[in-house]
Protein backbone atom coordinates (compact mmCIF):
# COMPACT_ATOMS: atom_id res chain seq x y z
CA MET A 1 163.17 180.76 9.53
CA ASN A 2 162.80 182.92 6.38
CA THR A 3 159.29 183.06 4.81
CA PRO A 4 159.02 185.68 2.07
CA ASP A 5 155.57 187.09 2.11
CA ASN A 6 155.35 187.40 -1.62
CA LEU A 7 155.26 183.65 -2.13
CA LEU A 8 152.70 180.76 -1.94
CA TYR A 9 153.51 177.55 -0.09
CA THR A 10 152.45 173.97 0.12
CA GLU A 11 152.32 171.48 3.19
CA ASP A 12 155.21 169.73 1.35
CA HIS A 13 157.45 172.73 1.86
CA GLU A 14 157.71 173.89 -1.69
CA TRP A 15 157.08 177.58 -2.48
CA ALA A 16 155.67 179.15 -5.67
CA LYS A 17 156.29 182.58 -7.00
CA TYR A 18 153.73 183.51 -9.61
CA GLY A 19 155.17 185.70 -12.57
CA ASN A 20 153.63 186.89 -15.86
CA ASP A 21 153.42 183.47 -17.65
CA ASN A 22 155.16 181.23 -15.36
CA VAL A 23 155.53 180.02 -11.83
CA THR A 24 158.91 179.62 -10.23
CA ILE A 25 159.17 176.85 -7.63
CA GLY A 26 161.60 175.73 -4.92
CA ILE A 27 161.77 174.44 -1.55
CA THR A 28 161.43 176.46 1.44
CA ASP A 29 164.02 177.64 4.06
CA PHE A 30 162.48 175.48 6.57
CA ALA A 31 162.83 172.26 4.21
CA GLN A 32 166.55 172.88 3.45
CA SER A 33 167.28 173.30 7.17
CA GLN A 34 165.56 169.94 7.81
CA LEU A 35 167.41 168.29 5.06
CA GLY A 36 170.85 169.44 5.68
CA ASP A 37 173.60 169.88 3.24
CA VAL A 38 172.25 169.40 -0.34
CA ILE A 39 174.71 167.29 -2.40
CA PHE A 40 172.54 166.46 -5.38
CA VAL A 41 169.13 167.69 -7.00
CA GLU A 42 167.50 165.72 -9.85
CA LEU A 43 164.89 167.63 -12.01
CA PRO A 44 162.77 166.94 -14.80
CA ASP A 45 163.19 167.96 -18.55
CA VAL A 46 161.87 171.24 -20.13
CA GLY A 47 158.48 170.12 -21.89
CA GLU A 48 157.43 167.55 -19.15
CA GLU A 49 153.96 167.97 -17.96
CA PHE A 50 152.68 167.35 -14.41
CA ASN A 51 149.51 167.48 -12.37
CA ALA A 52 149.45 169.28 -8.99
CA GLY A 53 150.90 166.92 -6.33
CA ASP A 54 152.97 164.81 -8.85
CA ILE A 55 156.68 163.81 -7.93
CA PHE A 56 158.95 166.18 -10.15
CA GLY A 57 162.14 165.20 -8.79
CA GLU A 58 164.33 164.35 -5.86
CA ILE A 59 166.80 166.34 -3.81
CA GLU A 60 169.59 164.34 -1.94
CA ALA A 61 171.23 165.73 1.25
CA VAL A 62 173.88 164.38 3.49
CA LYS A 63 171.20 162.92 5.78
CA THR A 64 168.44 161.82 3.33
CA VAL A 65 166.88 161.79 -0.03
CA SER A 66 163.42 163.59 -0.31
CA GLU A 67 160.97 163.88 -3.17
CA LEU A 68 159.98 167.02 -4.57
CA PHE A 69 156.06 167.43 -5.19
CA ILE A 70 154.78 169.96 -7.82
CA PRO A 71 152.26 172.33 -6.20
CA ILE A 72 150.44 173.13 -9.51
CA SER A 73 149.68 171.45 -12.90
CA GLY A 74 151.52 172.53 -15.97
CA THR A 75 154.49 172.28 -18.28
CA ILE A 76 157.99 172.74 -17.27
CA SER A 77 159.51 175.78 -18.88
CA ALA A 78 162.89 176.02 -17.35
CA VAL A 79 165.12 174.29 -14.86
CA ASN A 80 167.90 175.65 -12.74
CA GLU A 81 170.88 174.14 -14.44
CA ASP A 82 173.27 175.74 -11.94
CA LEU A 83 172.34 173.24 -9.35
CA GLU A 84 173.93 170.50 -11.28
CA ASN A 85 177.29 171.75 -10.35
CA LEU A 86 176.28 174.00 -7.10
CA PRO A 87 173.38 172.00 -5.48
CA ASP A 88 174.45 173.76 -2.13
CA LYS A 89 172.54 177.11 -3.56
CA VAL A 90 169.54 175.35 -2.18
CA ASN A 91 170.78 175.73 1.02
CA SER A 92 172.53 179.30 0.89
CA ASP A 93 169.77 180.95 -1.05
CA PRO A 94 166.66 178.67 -1.50
CA TYR A 95 164.38 181.50 -2.75
CA ASN A 96 166.74 183.08 -5.33
CA GLU A 97 169.64 181.29 -6.74
CA GLY A 98 168.30 177.88 -5.29
CA TRP A 99 165.10 177.83 -7.39
CA LEU A 100 164.45 174.58 -8.88
CA ILE A 101 161.83 174.92 -11.88
CA LYS A 102 159.65 177.27 -13.59
CA ILE A 103 156.31 176.01 -14.96
CA THR A 104 153.75 177.13 -17.41
CA PRO A 105 150.52 176.72 -15.31
CA SER A 106 147.54 175.00 -16.90
CA ASP A 107 144.93 175.70 -14.22
CA PRO A 108 145.17 179.28 -12.69
CA ASP A 109 142.57 178.07 -9.97
CA GLU A 110 145.21 175.86 -8.28
CA LYS A 111 146.80 178.89 -6.89
CA ASP A 112 143.92 179.34 -4.47
CA GLU A 113 144.89 175.76 -2.83
CA LEU A 114 148.23 177.15 -1.74
CA MET A 115 149.01 178.74 1.69
CA ASN A 116 150.17 182.55 2.12
CA PHE A 117 153.13 183.07 4.38
CA LEU A 118 151.20 183.55 7.41
CA SER A 119 149.51 180.25 6.92
CA TYR A 120 152.61 178.29 6.00
CA GLU A 121 154.34 179.88 9.31
CA GLU A 122 151.64 178.53 11.38
CA PHE A 123 151.76 175.08 9.64
CA VAL A 124 155.55 174.66 10.50
CA SER A 125 155.26 175.90 14.05
C-alpha cells in the first residue's frame, strides 16, 4: 500500500494535499485497490460549496459504486476533467494523475481533524 507522507487522510479513504490557496483531494491507494477497476467518476461542478463530510460525488468500479466524502469545507475550484475519459487513472496513479477535485478551503482549522500518514496506515491495518 502506497501512503505518501506529505498528505493528510480521512477514515473514508480520501486524501488531501494542502497547497498555497487550495487543497487537492483524491482517494487513497488502499481505496482504489478495494474498489477494483474504476470505470466512471461523477464529480461536482466548479463553484459548488460543501461542508466537511458531505458527499461530493460517486466513483463506480466493476464491483461496486461508492460515495465520495469531502474531507474539508469549501468551494470547488477545479475538477479533474481527464477522469471523464480516463477514469482508470484513479487506479494507476491515485495521488497524481488520478486526483479528483481541488477546493478552496473555508475553515483552515479542519486540517487538524485529518490523519497523518502514520495514523492512516495504522487505521487501515
